[in-house]
């Protein structure tokens, strides 16, 4: 298992955070997701044998007009 923490740009409300969380939860290999609107950040625990950081960031971008950057 791996953990990644990242800043998310483009979130305007708690619904944005929920949308990103739901989009990530649908990805194989994702174990746990936390997205915080007020902190503009996210945290994902994932199985590195099933997914990757780049795939996670791609899912964040795919949820809307969001950008993710590792911290």
C-alpha atoms as a PDB file:
ATOM      1  CA  UNK A   1       0.000   0.000   0.000  1.00  0.00           C
ATOM      2  CA  UNK A   2       1.059   3.538  -0.763  1.00  0.00           C
ATOM      3  CA  UNK A   3      -0.228   6.887   0.430  1.00  0.00           C
ATOM      4  CA  UNK A   4      -0.254  10.062  -1.618  1.00  0.00           C
ATOM      5  CA  UNK A   5      -1.170  13.576  -0.475  1.00  0.00           C
ATOM      6  CA  UNK A   6      -1.917  16.294  -2.988  1.00  0.00           C
ATOM      7  CA  UNK A   7      -3.210  19.841  -3.436  1.00  0.00           C
ATOM      8  CA  UNK A   8      -6.291  20.230  -5.619  1.00  0.00           C
ATOM      9  CA  UNK A   9      -6.921  23.430  -7.563  1.00  0.00           C
ATOM     10  CA  UNK A  10     -10.356  24.291  -8.895  1.00  0.00           C
ATOM     11  CA  UNK A  11     -12.640  23.116  -6.081  1.00  0.00           C
ATOM     12  CA  UNK A  12     -15.372  25.674  -5.351  1.00  0.00           C
ATOM     13  CA  UNK A  13     -17.597  23.830  -2.884  1.00  0.00           C
ATOM     14  CA  UNK A  14     -18.076  20.645  -0.882  1.00  0.00           C
ATOM     15  CA  UNK A  15     -19.883  19.101  -3.853  1.00  0.00           C
ATOM     16  CA  UNK A  16     -16.630  19.366  -5.817  1.00  0.00           C
ATOM     17  CA  UNK A  17     -14.834  17.434  -3.076  1.00  0.00           C
ATOM     18  CA  UNK A  18     -17.595  14.799  -3.064  1.00  0.00           C
ATOM     19  CA  UNK A  19     -17.425  14.457  -6.862  1.00  0.00           C
ATOM     20  CA  UNK A  20     -13.649  13.929  -6.780  1.00  0.00           C
ATOM     21  CA  UNK A  21     -13.950  11.381  -3.950  1.00  0.00           C
ATOM     22  CA  UNK A  22     -16.616   9.405  -5.795  1.00  0.00           C
ATOM     23  CA  UNK A  23     -14.602   9.464  -9.014  1.00  0.00           C
ATOM     24  CA  UNK A  24     -11.516   8.127  -7.221  1.00  0.00           C
ATOM     25  CA  UNK A  25     -13.444   5.471  -5.295  1.00  0.00           C
ATOM     26  CA  UNK A  26     -14.489   3.970  -8.632  1.00  0.00           C
ATOM     27  CA  UNK A  27     -10.877   3.286  -9.622  1.00  0.00           C
ATOM     28  CA  UNK A  28      -9.473  -0.221  -9.076  1.00  0.00           C
ATOM     29  CA  UNK A  29      -6.759  -0.309  -6.416  1.00  0.00           C
ATOM     30  CA  UNK A  30      -8.085   2.641  -4.402  1.00  0.00           C
ATOM     31  CA  UNK A  31      -8.387   1.668  -0.746  1.00  0.00           C
ATOM     32  CA  UNK A  32      -9.247   4.970   0.954  1.00  0.00           C
ATOM     33  CA  UNK A  33      -9.964   8.519  -0.230  1.00  0.00           C
ATOM     34  CA  UNK A  34     -10.272  11.798   1.681  1.00  0.00           C
ATOM     35  CA  UNK A  35     -10.815  15.099  -0.118  1.00  0.00           C
ATOM     36  CA  UNK A  36     -11.050  18.335   1.875  1.00  0.00           C
ATOM     37  CA  UNK A  37     -12.668  21.335   0.193  1.00  0.00           C
ATOM     38  CA  UNK A  38     -11.602  23.903   2.800  1.00  0.00           C
ATOM     39  CA  UNK A  39      -8.006  22.659   2.761  1.00  0.00           C
ATOM     40  CA  UNK A  40      -8.027  22.255  -1.036  1.00  0.00           C
ATOM     41  CA  UNK A  41      -6.268  18.905  -0.664  1.00  0.00           C
ATOM     42  CA  UNK A  42      -6.705  15.180  -0.892  1.00  0.00           C
ATOM     43  CA  UNK A  43      -5.216  11.980   0.450  1.00  0.00           C
ATOM     44  CA  UNK A  44      -5.413   8.543  -1.146  1.00  0.00           C
ATOM     45  CA  UNK A  45      -4.263   5.153   0.073  1.00  0.00           C
ATOM     46  CA  UNK A  46      -3.886   2.777  -2.836  1.00  0.00           C
ATOM     47  CA  UNK A  47      -2.487  -0.563  -3.959  1.00  0.00           C
ATOM     48  CA  UNK A  48       0.527   0.262  -6.120  1.00  0.00           C
ATOM     49  CA  UNK A  49       0.116  -3.069  -7.935  1.00  0.00           C
ATOM     50  CA  UNK A  50      -3.328  -2.028  -9.193  1.00  0.00           C
ATOM     51  CA  UNK A  51      -2.999   1.708  -9.888  1.00  0.00           C
ATOM     52  CA  UNK A  52      -0.460   4.546  -9.953  1.00  0.00           C
ATOM     53  CA  UNK A  53      -0.056   8.179  -8.936  1.00  0.00           C
ATOM     54  CA  UNK A  54      -0.484   9.295 -12.537  1.00  0.00           C
ATOM     55  CA  UNK A  55      -3.737   7.314 -12.841  1.00  0.00           C
ATOM     56  CA  UNK A  56      -5.001   8.919  -9.623  1.00  0.00           C
ATOM     57  CA  UNK A  57      -4.183  12.426 -10.878  1.00  0.00           C
ATOM     58  CA  UNK A  58      -5.852  11.589 -14.191  1.00  0.00           C
ATOM     59  CA  UNK A  59      -9.037  10.604 -12.309  1.00  0.00           C
ATOM     60  CA  UNK A  60      -8.957  13.896 -10.369  1.00  0.00           C
ATOM     61  CA  UNK A  61      -8.705  15.831 -13.649  1.00  0.00           C
ATOM     62  CA  UNK A  62     -11.430  13.634 -15.149  1.00  0.00           C
ATOM     63  CA  UNK A  63     -13.880  14.616 -12.413  1.00  0.00           C
ATOM     64  CA  UNK A  64     -14.002  18.199 -13.725  1.00  0.00           C
ATOM     65  CA  UNK A  65     -11.771  21.215 -14.179  1.00  0.00           C
ATOM     66  CA  UNK A  66      -9.409  20.245 -11.356  1.00  0.00           C
ATOM     67  CA  UNK A  67      -5.639  20.040 -11.103  1.00  0.00           C
ATOM     68  CA  UNK A  68      -3.757  17.893  -8.599  1.00  0.00           C
ATOM     69  CA  UNK A  69      -0.173  18.358  -7.460  1.00  0.00           C
ATOM     70  CA  UNK A  70       1.684  16.065  -5.070  1.00  0.00           C
ATOM     71  CA  UNK A  71       2.729  17.596  -1.747  1.00  0.00           C
END
